[in-house]
Each structure stands twice: as structure tokens, then as C-alpha cells.
């Protein structure tokens, strides 16, 4: 979970003078056809205060078939990081995990990423290495500890790491995960970074979601991701020991430190 800048990638920002240009950002937003533009700008202005001073934002693009926006975060050393912005302007999530995607990814997103990241050799290499490690690590996790969403027509699949009690994971569940499921197979691994209750909720989702449809699985996830979700005394007795072990294996061996995390691969 990121507290300062809400990006999925691990970023090291330099300390050179560089400032967010709010006037230019507002001009770019005004040029877009956003239905809730006033609300979006109000929320996004608050979000801007969470960014370090040495980055800038630009290249705002609205996806044709969704309310989600794409933008570019530019660091002081010139690195460009593409990112999603939620429909209401309250959350931004990095797209570093999509650097490995190929032709079957939405062309609209793929073309945007290729354009803004064509000179980012270092970050591309680091992300590809992390994603390769992740794919290998989760391959050893038993099937009963993965919640899989099937899309029979897709030639790609995504690995998602998430936590039922992570605020940013709740936003990811609301906006990004449903879009991924429409495009490809998705394998969800629960890697909680919160107290035991988050492990219990993860186990309940895995148990109740087994054999269910994609829509039913999403409904179950939303039930337990709700910030007001309560566990019964009986549910609190759920065995979480193995999930804790697998969580540690995934995060330690992949080197990934934050959730939500999404990585996309071609099917073999």
C-alpha cells in the first residue's frame, strides 16, 4: 500500500527542482469529455497534494469505452510512468505491470504505454524482472489458494495481488479488476498486509468462490472487501496458517512490497 504517491510500482524520485503544473493539468482535464468534470477536478486537486513536488502530470487521455483516464507521471530524471485515474478522480494507480503486455492488450492502452515509456529502459527492465519472478513463484502455490476468473477467448492472463482490508485494493476491485476480467483470465492471490481479519476474509472468499461464476466471485469479493464487513465468532476461527505461509512466499521471493499489484502475461 502506498501512502504518499498511489502508484503500484516502486519508484525512486530524484530531488531536482520540478513542480506539478496545476494550471496545465486543469487545461488538459477541461479538454476531455468527462460527465462529472466538476466532481473529478475537485477530488483530483486533493489527490495532487499527495504527490511529491518533484514530479509532473500530463498526457491526460480518456479511454473510449470506460470512464477511466490514463495519464503520465513524469519524474525529475525524465522517466515517464503511465497510470490509471479512477472515474471520480480519487485514486491513481501505476501501470508498470503492463509493460510486458503484447498485442492482445487493449490497443488503446498499449499504444499509450508504448509512447510514454519508449525511453524508460531501467524501469522496464526492473518491472519485467519482478513480473517474471512473480509468475514463477505463484506457479508453486496450490490451486485452492487462487481465485481464478476465466475468459475463454483471451490469449493473455493477469496475476493480481490484493488484500481485503487495503483501501487501495478496494478501489482496484471497484474499477480495475472488473475491466481486466472482461479482457482476459485473471488469477487473484491474496497477500494481506493487514491483521488476521484480512487473512480470514481472504480464506472465506476462496472457499465461497470455489466453483462460482465470474460475477458471483466478484460479488463475494465485494462483500468481504466492504469496509463495514464484520466477521462472526465462528468465521474468526478459520485456519489462516497456510495462507500466511503462501503470502510470505509470494512477497518475499517475488520482491514485491505493495498491494494491489497487477502483472499481465501471454498464455503459453
C-alpha atoms as a PDB file:
ATOM      1  CA  UNK A   1       0.000   0.000   0.000  1.00  0.00           C
ATOM      2  CA  UNK A   2       1.288   3.424  -0.920  1.00  0.00           C
ATOM      3  CA  UNK A   3       0.721   6.340   1.430  1.00  0.00           C
ATOM      4  CA  UNK A   4       2.436   9.182  -0.371  1.00  0.00           C
ATOM      5  CA  UNK A   5       2.056   8.524  -4.088  1.00  0.00           C
ATOM      6  CA  UNK A   6      -0.541   5.944  -5.028  1.00  0.00           C
ATOM      7  CA  UNK A   7       1.359   4.007  -7.688  1.00  0.00           C
ATOM      8  CA  UNK A   8       1.744   0.268  -7.923  1.00  0.00           C
ATOM      9  CA  UNK A   9       5.412   0.487  -8.998  1.00  0.00           C
ATOM     10  CA  UNK A  10       8.278   1.094  -6.590  1.00  0.00           C
ATOM     11  CA  UNK A  11       9.686   4.426  -7.638  1.00  0.00           C
ATOM     12  CA  UNK A  12      12.759   6.345  -6.540  1.00  0.00           C
ATOM     13  CA  UNK A  13      12.251  10.030  -7.248  1.00  0.00           C
ATOM     14  CA  UNK A  14      15.232  12.381  -7.590  1.00  0.00           C
ATOM     15  CA  UNK A  15      15.428  15.646  -5.704  1.00  0.00           C
ATOM     16  CA  UNK A  16      15.894  18.116  -8.530  1.00  0.00           C
ATOM     17  CA  UNK A  17      13.552  21.100  -8.760  1.00  0.00           C
ATOM     18  CA  UNK A  18      10.398  20.054 -10.559  1.00  0.00           C
ATOM     19  CA  UNK A  19       6.835  21.075  -9.749  1.00  0.00           C
ATOM     20  CA  UNK A  20       3.320  19.982 -10.596  1.00  0.00           C
ATOM     21  CA  UNK A  21       1.735  22.442 -13.022  1.00  0.00           C
ATOM     22  CA  UNK A  22      -1.881  22.611 -11.813  1.00  0.00           C
ATOM     23  CA  UNK A  23      -2.897  25.142 -14.464  1.00  0.00           C
ATOM     24  CA  UNK A  24      -1.775  22.877 -17.286  1.00  0.00           C
ATOM     25  CA  UNK A  25      -3.425  19.876 -15.626  1.00  0.00           C
ATOM     26  CA  UNK A  26      -6.739  21.731 -15.381  1.00  0.00           C
ATOM     27  CA  UNK A  27      -6.497  22.713 -19.052  1.00  0.00           C
ATOM     28  CA  UNK A  28      -5.967  19.085 -20.060  1.00  0.00           C
ATOM     29  CA  UNK A  29      -8.908  17.927 -17.930  1.00  0.00           C
ATOM     30  CA  UNK A  30     -11.140  20.686 -19.336  1.00  0.00           C
ATOM     31  CA  UNK A  31     -10.382  19.436 -22.843  1.00  0.00           C
ATOM     32  CA  UNK A  32     -11.796  15.991 -22.030  1.00  0.00           C
ATOM     33  CA  UNK A  33     -15.434  14.957 -22.260  1.00  0.00           C
ATOM     34  CA  UNK A  34     -15.927  13.961 -18.612  1.00  0.00           C
ATOM     35  CA  UNK A  35     -19.539  13.788 -17.424  1.00  0.00           C
ATOM     36  CA  UNK A  36     -18.708  14.565 -13.797  1.00  0.00           C
ATOM     37  CA  UNK A  37     -15.924  17.041 -14.573  1.00  0.00           C
ATOM     38  CA  UNK A  38     -16.538  19.367 -11.600  1.00  0.00           C
ATOM     39  CA  UNK A  39     -16.506  16.498  -9.105  1.00  0.00           C
ATOM     40  CA  UNK A  40     -13.475  14.930 -10.809  1.00  0.00           C
ATOM     41  CA  UNK A  41     -11.444  18.165 -10.643  1.00  0.00           C
ATOM     42  CA  UNK A  42     -12.392  18.729  -7.003  1.00  0.00           C
ATOM     43  CA  UNK A  43     -11.276  15.240  -5.975  1.00  0.00           C
ATOM     44  CA  UNK A  44      -8.200  15.194  -8.202  1.00  0.00           C
ATOM     45  CA  UNK A  45      -7.000  18.535  -6.792  1.00  0.00           C
ATOM     46  CA  UNK A  46      -6.959  16.921  -3.349  1.00  0.00           C
ATOM     47  CA  UNK A  47      -5.099  13.921  -4.742  1.00  0.00           C
ATOM     48  CA  UNK A  48      -2.413  16.175  -6.248  1.00  0.00           C
ATOM     49  CA  UNK A  49      -1.396  17.241  -2.735  1.00  0.00           C
ATOM     50  CA  UNK A  50      -0.267  13.657  -2.071  1.00  0.00           C
ATOM     51  CA  UNK A  51       2.344  13.756  -4.836  1.00  0.00           C
ATOM     52  CA  UNK A  52       5.957  14.748  -4.160  1.00  0.00           C
ATOM     53  CA  UNK A  53       6.953  18.146  -5.528  1.00  0.00           C
ATOM     54  CA  UNK A  54       9.468  16.712  -7.983  1.00  0.00           C
ATOM     55  CA  UNK A  55       7.029  15.053 -10.406  1.00  0.00           C
ATOM     56  CA  UNK A  56       4.674  16.347 -13.054  1.00  0.00           C
ATOM     57  CA  UNK A  57       1.499  15.005 -14.642  1.00  0.00           C
ATOM     58  CA  UNK A  58       0.315  15.250 -18.237  1.00  0.00           C
ATOM     59  CA  UNK A  59      -0.905  13.467 -21.376  1.00  0.00           C
ATOM     60  CA  UNK A  60      -4.397  13.001 -19.950  1.00  0.00           C
ATOM     61  CA  UNK A  61      -6.332  10.585 -22.176  1.00  0.00           C
ATOM     62  CA  UNK A  62      -9.872   9.270 -21.754  1.00  0.00           C
ATOM     63  CA  UNK A  63     -10.485   5.618 -22.631  1.00  0.00           C
ATOM     64  CA  UNK A  64     -13.211   5.378 -25.256  1.00  0.00           C
ATOM     65  CA  UNK A  65     -15.176   2.547 -23.666  1.00  0.00           C
ATOM     66  CA  UNK A  66     -14.719   3.431 -19.995  1.00  0.00           C
ATOM     67  CA  UNK A  67     -14.794   6.433 -17.728  1.00  0.00           C
ATOM     68  CA  UNK A  68     -11.237   5.727 -16.633  1.00  0.00           C
ATOM     69  CA  UNK A  69      -8.456   8.141 -17.615  1.00  0.00           C
ATOM     70  CA  UNK A  70      -4.841   7.490 -18.489  1.00  0.00           C
ATOM     71  CA  UNK A  71      -2.116   9.975 -17.648  1.00  0.00           C
ATOM     72  CA  UNK A  72       1.659  10.174 -17.456  1.00  0.00           C
ATOM     73  CA  UNK A  73       3.633  10.792 -14.269  1.00  0.00           C
ATOM     74  CA  UNK A  74       6.998  12.319 -15.193  1.00  0.00           C
ATOM     75  CA  UNK A  75       9.805  12.218 -12.630  1.00  0.00           C
ATOM     76  CA  UNK A  76      12.627  14.728 -12.374  1.00  0.00           C
ATOM     77  CA  UNK A  77      15.032  12.416 -14.209  1.00  0.00           C
ATOM     78  CA  UNK A  78      12.664  12.253 -17.192  1.00  0.00           C
ATOM     79  CA  UNK A  79      11.173   8.832 -16.535  1.00  0.00           C
ATOM     80  CA  UNK A  80       7.542   8.543 -17.675  1.00  0.00           C
ATOM     81  CA  UNK A  81       5.185   6.281 -15.730  1.00  0.00           C
ATOM     82  CA  UNK A  82       1.709   5.670 -17.225  1.00  0.00           C
ATOM     83  CA  UNK A  83      -1.140   5.467 -14.719  1.00  0.00           C
ATOM     84  CA  UNK A  84      -4.882   4.930 -14.418  1.00  0.00           C
ATOM     85  CA  UNK A  85      -7.089   7.536 -12.715  1.00  0.00           C
ATOM     86  CA  UNK A  86     -10.402   6.439 -11.195  1.00  0.00           C
ATOM     87  CA  UNK A  87     -13.631   7.828 -12.664  1.00  0.00           C
ATOM     88  CA  UNK A  88     -14.216  10.082  -9.665  1.00  0.00           C
ATOM     89  CA  UNK A  89     -10.635  11.399  -9.510  1.00  0.00           C
ATOM     90  CA  UNK A  90      -9.978   9.946  -6.059  1.00  0.00           C
ATOM     91  CA  UNK A  91      -7.347   7.347  -6.916  1.00  0.00           C
ATOM     92  CA  UNK A  92      -4.358   6.870  -9.208  1.00  0.00           C
ATOM     93  CA  UNK A  93      -2.714   3.511  -9.795  1.00  0.00           C
ATOM     94  CA  UNK A  94       0.518   2.822 -11.672  1.00  0.00           C
ATOM     95  CA  UNK A  95       0.630   0.770 -14.866  1.00  0.00           C
ATOM     96  CA  UNK A  96       4.170  -0.537 -14.539  1.00  0.00           C
ATOM     97  CA  UNK A  97       2.868  -4.099 -14.581  1.00  0.00           C
ATOM     98  CA  UNK A  98       1.505  -3.605 -18.086  1.00  0.00           C
ATOM     99  CA  UNK A  99       4.924  -3.013 -19.637  1.00  0.00           C
ATOM    100  CA  UNK A 100       5.139  -6.734 -20.509  1.00  0.00           C
ATOM    101  CA  UNK A 101       1.798  -6.820 -22.329  1.00  0.00           C
ATOM    102  CA  UNK A 102       1.655  -7.623 -26.027  1.00  0.00           C
ATOM    103  CA  UNK A 103      -0.788  -7.311 -28.900  1.00  0.00           C
ATOM    104  CA  UNK A 104      -3.839  -8.782 -27.170  1.00  0.00           C
ATOM    105  CA  UNK A 105      -3.925  -5.998 -24.605  1.00  0.00           C
ATOM    106  CA  UNK A 106      -6.372  -3.220 -25.392  1.00  0.00           C
ATOM    107  CA  UNK A 107      -4.660  -1.406 -28.268  1.00  0.00           C
ATOM    108  CA  UNK A 108      -5.744   1.920 -26.867  1.00  0.00           C
ATOM    109  CA  UNK A 109      -3.862   1.280 -23.623  1.00  0.00           C
ATOM    110  CA  UNK A 110      -0.953  -0.494 -25.314  1.00  0.00           C
ATOM    111  CA  UNK A 111      -0.287   2.355 -27.739  1.00  0.00           C
ATOM    112  CA  UNK A 112      -0.385   4.876 -24.911  1.00  0.00           C
ATOM    113  CA  UNK A 113       2.093   2.875 -22.843  1.00  0.00           C
ATOM    114  CA  UNK A 114       4.484   2.362 -25.748  1.00  0.00           C
ATOM    115  CA  UNK A 115       4.517   6.075 -26.492  1.00  0.00           C
ATOM    116  CA  UNK A 116       5.144   7.366 -22.964  1.00  0.00           C
ATOM    117  CA  UNK A 117       7.581   4.638 -21.902  1.00  0.00           C
ATOM    118  CA  UNK A 118       9.719   4.215 -25.010  1.00  0.00           C
ATOM    119  CA  UNK A 119      12.767   5.702 -23.264  1.00  0.00           C
ATOM    120  CA  UNK A 120      12.264   4.084 -19.860  1.00  0.00           C
ATOM    121  CA  UNK A 121      14.842   1.315 -20.178  1.00  0.00           C
ATOM    122  CA  UNK A 122      15.617   0.998 -16.474  1.00  0.00           C
ATOM    123  CA  UNK A 123      12.057   0.824 -15.193  1.00  0.00           C
ATOM    124  CA  UNK A 124      11.057  -1.567 -17.985  1.00  0.00           C
ATOM    125  CA  UNK A 125      13.874  -3.943 -17.043  1.00  0.00           C
ATOM    126  CA  UNK A 126      13.058  -3.811 -13.332  1.00  0.00           C
ATOM    127  CA  UNK A 127       9.349  -4.422 -13.863  1.00  0.00           C
ATOM    128  CA  UNK A 128       9.914  -7.277 -16.286  1.00  0.00           C
ATOM    129  CA  UNK A 129      12.263  -8.963 -13.792  1.00  0.00           C
ATOM    130  CA  UNK A 130       9.746  -8.615 -10.954  1.00  0.00           C
ATOM    131  CA  UNK A 131       6.927  -9.931 -13.117  1.00  0.00           C
ATOM    132  CA  UNK A 132       8.974 -12.925 -14.262  1.00  0.00           C
ATOM    133  CA  UNK A 133       9.763 -13.785 -10.640  1.00  0.00           C
ATOM    134  CA  UNK A 134       6.125 -13.413  -9.661  1.00  0.00           C
ATOM    135  CA  UNK A 135       4.912 -15.760 -12.411  1.00  0.00           C
ATOM    136  CA  UNK A 136       7.377 -18.431 -11.290  1.00  0.00           C
ATOM    137  CA  UNK A 137       6.581 -18.041  -7.585  1.00  0.00           C
ATOM    138  CA  UNK A 138       2.789 -18.262  -7.859  1.00  0.00           C
ATOM    139  CA  UNK A 139       3.139 -21.312 -10.096  1.00  0.00           C
ATOM    140  CA  UNK A 140       4.056 -23.267  -6.960  1.00  0.00           C
ATOM    141  CA  UNK A 141       1.043 -22.083  -4.933  1.00  0.00           C
ATOM    142  CA  UNK A 142      -1.754 -24.715  -4.591  1.00  0.00           C
ATOM    143  CA  UNK A 143      -4.843 -24.095  -6.737  1.00  0.00           C
ATOM    144  CA  UNK A 144      -7.140 -23.798  -3.709  1.00  0.00           C
ATOM    145  CA  UNK A 145      -5.326 -20.571  -2.797  1.00  0.00           C
ATOM    146  CA  UNK A 146      -6.056 -18.775  -6.066  1.00  0.00           C
ATOM    147  CA  UNK A 147      -9.347 -17.207  -7.141  1.00  0.00           C
ATOM    148  CA  UNK A 148      -9.472 -17.537 -10.919  1.00  0.00           C
ATOM    149  CA  UNK A 149     -11.682 -15.579 -13.305  1.00  0.00           C
ATOM    150  CA  UNK A 150     -11.979 -17.238 -16.701  1.00  0.00           C
ATOM    151  CA  UNK A 151     -12.169 -15.588 -20.112  1.00  0.00           C
ATOM    152  CA  UNK A 152     -12.057 -18.366 -22.712  1.00  0.00           C
ATOM    153  CA  UNK A 153     -11.372 -16.055 -25.659  1.00  0.00           C
ATOM    154  CA  UNK A 154      -8.334 -14.353 -24.160  1.00  0.00           C
ATOM    155  CA  UNK A 155      -4.754 -15.120 -25.135  1.00  0.00           C
ATOM    156  CA  UNK A 156      -3.430 -13.406 -22.006  1.00  0.00           C
ATOM    157  CA  UNK A 157      -3.870 -13.646 -18.277  1.00  0.00           C
ATOM    158  CA  UNK A 158      -3.248 -11.369 -15.320  1.00  0.00           C
ATOM    159  CA  UNK A 159      -1.886 -12.066 -11.852  1.00  0.00           C
ATOM    160  CA  UNK A 160      -3.339  -9.809  -9.176  1.00  0.00           C
ATOM    161  CA  UNK A 161      -2.052  -9.499  -5.598  1.00  0.00           C
ATOM    162  CA  UNK A 162      -4.577  -8.000  -3.220  1.00  0.00           C
ATOM    163  CA  UNK A 163      -5.755  -7.562   0.388  1.00  0.00           C
ATOM    164  CA  UNK A 164      -9.424  -7.322   1.532  1.00  0.00           C
ATOM    165  CA  UNK A 165      -8.631  -4.589   4.068  1.00  0.00           C
ATOM    166  CA  UNK A 166      -6.392  -2.428   1.866  1.00  0.00           C
ATOM    167  CA  UNK A 167      -8.189   0.819   0.872  1.00  0.00           C
ATOM    168  CA  UNK A 168      -6.404   0.958  -2.478  1.00  0.00           C
ATOM    169  CA  UNK A 169      -7.297  -2.697  -3.140  1.00  0.00           C
ATOM    170  CA  UNK A 170     -10.943  -1.775  -2.611  1.00  0.00           C
ATOM    171  CA  UNK A 171     -10.596   0.884  -5.292  1.00  0.00           C
ATOM    172  CA  UNK A 172      -8.825  -1.608  -7.534  1.00  0.00           C
ATOM    173  CA  UNK A 173     -11.716  -4.059  -7.035  1.00  0.00           C
ATOM    174  CA  UNK A 174     -14.257  -1.369  -7.863  1.00  0.00           C
ATOM    175  CA  UNK A 175     -12.622  -0.008 -11.024  1.00  0.00           C
ATOM    176  CA  UNK A 176      -9.763  -2.063 -12.451  1.00  0.00           C
ATOM    177  CA  UNK A 177     -10.418  -5.728 -11.697  1.00  0.00           C
ATOM    178  CA  UNK A 178     -13.807  -5.850 -13.497  1.00  0.00           C
ATOM    179  CA  UNK A 179     -12.186  -4.318 -16.601  1.00  0.00           C
ATOM    180  CA  UNK A 180      -9.353  -6.861 -16.533  1.00  0.00           C
ATOM    181  CA  UNK A 181     -11.841  -9.730 -16.259  1.00  0.00           C
ATOM    182  CA  UNK A 182     -13.616  -8.510 -19.403  1.00  0.00           C
ATOM    183  CA  UNK A 183     -10.346  -8.706 -21.348  1.00  0.00           C
ATOM    184  CA  UNK A 184      -8.500 -11.775 -20.049  1.00  0.00           C
ATOM    185  CA  UNK A 185      -8.153 -14.568 -17.498  1.00  0.00           C
ATOM    186  CA  UNK A 186      -7.313 -13.235 -14.054  1.00  0.00           C
ATOM    187  CA  UNK A 187      -5.682 -15.120 -11.182  1.00  0.00           C
ATOM    188  CA  UNK A 188      -6.163 -13.401  -7.831  1.00  0.00           C
ATOM    189  CA  UNK A 189      -3.751 -14.200  -4.992  1.00  0.00           C
ATOM    190  CA  UNK A 190      -4.475 -12.858  -1.526  1.00  0.00           C
ATOM    191  CA  UNK A 191      -1.375 -11.355   0.071  1.00  0.00           C
ATOM    192  CA  UNK A 192      -2.735  -9.412   3.082  1.00  0.00           C
ATOM    193  CA  UNK A 193      -0.579  -6.769   4.730  1.00  0.00           C
ATOM    194  CA  UNK A 194      -3.186  -6.111   7.424  1.00  0.00           C
ATOM    195  CA  UNK A 195      -4.170  -8.001  10.635  1.00  0.00           C
ATOM    196  CA  UNK A 196      -5.524 -11.546  10.860  1.00  0.00           C
ATOM    197  CA  UNK A 197      -9.051 -10.479   9.925  1.00  0.00           C
ATOM    198  CA  UNK A 198      -7.812  -9.757   6.391  1.00  0.00           C
ATOM    199  CA  UNK A 199      -6.471 -13.325   6.141  1.00  0.00           C
ATOM    200  CA  UNK A 200      -9.791 -14.716   7.379  1.00  0.00           C
ATOM    201  CA  UNK A 201     -11.706 -12.692   4.779  1.00  0.00           C
ATOM    202  CA  UNK A 202      -9.317 -13.947   2.096  1.00  0.00           C
ATOM    203  CA  UNK A 203      -9.927 -17.570   3.090  1.00  0.00           C
ATOM    204  CA  UNK A 204     -13.695 -17.045   3.122  1.00  0.00           C
ATOM    205  CA  UNK A 205     -13.573 -15.553  -0.383  1.00  0.00           C
ATOM    206  CA  UNK A 206     -11.537 -18.515  -1.638  1.00  0.00           C
ATOM    207  CA  UNK A 207     -13.903 -21.011  -0.015  1.00  0.00           C
ATOM    208  CA  UNK A 208     -17.173 -19.372  -1.046  1.00  0.00           C
ATOM    209  CA  UNK A 209     -15.935 -18.518  -4.541  1.00  0.00           C
ATOM    210  CA  UNK A 210     -14.960 -22.056  -5.494  1.00  0.00           C
ATOM    211  CA  UNK A 211     -17.000 -23.240  -8.484  1.00  0.00           C
ATOM    212  CA  UNK A 212     -18.841 -19.938  -8.863  1.00  0.00           C
ATOM    213  CA  UNK A 213     -19.222 -17.748 -11.969  1.00  0.00           C
ATOM    214  CA  UNK A 214     -17.095 -14.643 -12.529  1.00  0.00           C
ATOM    215  CA  UNK A 215     -19.950 -12.365 -11.466  1.00  0.00           C
ATOM    216  CA  UNK A 216     -20.589 -14.405  -8.332  1.00  0.00           C
ATOM    217  CA  UNK A 217     -16.897 -14.309  -7.414  1.00  0.00           C
ATOM    218  CA  UNK A 218     -16.834 -10.524  -7.779  1.00  0.00           C
ATOM    219  CA  UNK A 219     -19.940 -10.270  -5.602  1.00  0.00           C
ATOM    220  CA  UNK A 220     -18.274 -12.362  -2.888  1.00  0.00           C
ATOM    221  CA  UNK A 221     -15.119 -10.241  -3.064  1.00  0.00           C
ATOM    222  CA  UNK A 222     -17.142  -7.052  -2.748  1.00  0.00           C
ATOM    223  CA  UNK A 223     -18.963  -8.492   0.275  1.00  0.00           C
ATOM    224  CA  UNK A 224     -15.755  -9.084   2.220  1.00  0.00           C
ATOM    225  CA  UNK A 225     -13.879  -6.041   0.887  1.00  0.00           C
ATOM    226  CA  UNK A 226     -16.605  -3.749   2.238  1.00  0.00           C
ATOM    227  CA  UNK A 227     -15.005  -1.607   4.936  1.00  0.00           C
ATOM    228  CA  UNK A 228     -18.008  -2.347   7.174  1.00  0.00           C
ATOM    229  CA  UNK A 229     -17.784  -6.130   6.741  1.00  0.00           C
ATOM    230  CA  UNK A 230     -17.892  -7.962  10.079  1.00  0.00           C
ATOM    231  CA  UNK A 231     -16.778 -11.494  10.891  1.00  0.00           C
ATOM    232  CA  UNK A 232     -18.787 -13.841  13.076  1.00  0.00           C
ATOM    233  CA  UNK A 233     -17.187 -15.613  16.019  1.00  0.00           C
ATOM    234  CA  UNK A 234     -17.281 -18.830  14.013  1.00  0.00           C
ATOM    235  CA  UNK A 235     -15.652 -17.223  10.951  1.00  0.00           C
ATOM    236  CA  UNK A 236     -12.846 -15.847  13.107  1.00  0.00           C
ATOM    237  CA  UNK A 237     -11.829 -19.448  13.869  1.00  0.00           C
ATOM    238  CA  UNK A 238     -10.943 -20.024  10.192  1.00  0.00           C
ATOM    239  CA  UNK A 239      -7.492 -21.576   9.756  1.00  0.00           C
ATOM    240  CA  UNK A 240      -5.228 -18.975   8.146  1.00  0.00           C
ATOM    241  CA  UNK A 241      -1.851 -20.593   8.847  1.00  0.00           C
ATOM    242  CA  UNK A 242      -1.174 -21.853   5.310  1.00  0.00           C
ATOM    243  CA  UNK A 243      -2.320 -18.616   3.687  1.00  0.00           C
ATOM    244  CA  UNK A 244       0.179 -16.731   5.850  1.00  0.00           C
ATOM    245  CA  UNK A 245       2.944 -19.019   4.635  1.00  0.00           C
ATOM    246  CA  UNK A 246       1.972 -18.605   0.980  1.00  0.00           C
ATOM    247  CA  UNK A 247       1.648 -14.828   1.413  1.00  0.00           C
ATOM    248  CA  UNK A 248       5.183 -14.671   2.765  1.00  0.00           C
ATOM    249  CA  UNK A 249       6.492 -16.863  -0.064  1.00  0.00           C
ATOM    250  CA  UNK A 250       4.886 -14.713  -2.768  1.00  0.00           C
ATOM    251  CA  UNK A 251       6.029 -11.362  -1.394  1.00  0.00           C
ATOM    252  CA  UNK A 252       9.492 -12.468  -0.268  1.00  0.00           C
ATOM    253  CA  UNK A 253      10.503 -14.412  -3.370  1.00  0.00           C
ATOM    254  CA  UNK A 254       8.996 -12.008  -5.908  1.00  0.00           C
ATOM    255  CA  UNK A 255      10.383  -8.917  -4.187  1.00  0.00           C
ATOM    256  CA  UNK A 256       7.013  -7.153  -4.474  1.00  0.00           C
ATOM    257  CA  UNK A 257       6.260  -4.999  -1.451  1.00  0.00           C
ATOM    258  CA  UNK A 258       2.901  -3.381  -2.116  1.00  0.00           C
ATOM    259  CA  UNK A 259      -0.694  -4.183  -2.998  1.00  0.00           C
ATOM    260  CA  UNK A 260      -2.661  -4.005  -5.181  1.00  0.00           C
ATOM    261  CA  UNK A 261      -0.268  -5.330  -7.802  1.00  0.00           C
ATOM    262  CA  UNK A 262      -1.171  -6.430 -11.332  1.00  0.00           C
ATOM    263  CA  UNK A 263       1.010  -8.181 -13.901  1.00  0.00           C
ATOM    264  CA  UNK A 264      -0.049  -9.350 -17.378  1.00  0.00           C
ATOM    265  CA  UNK A 265       1.348 -12.271 -19.374  1.00  0.00           C
ATOM    266  CA  UNK A 266       0.812 -14.057 -22.682  1.00  0.00           C
ATOM    267  CA  UNK A 267      -0.690 -17.523 -22.315  1.00  0.00           C
ATOM    268  CA  UNK A 268       1.793 -20.276 -23.097  1.00  0.00           C
END
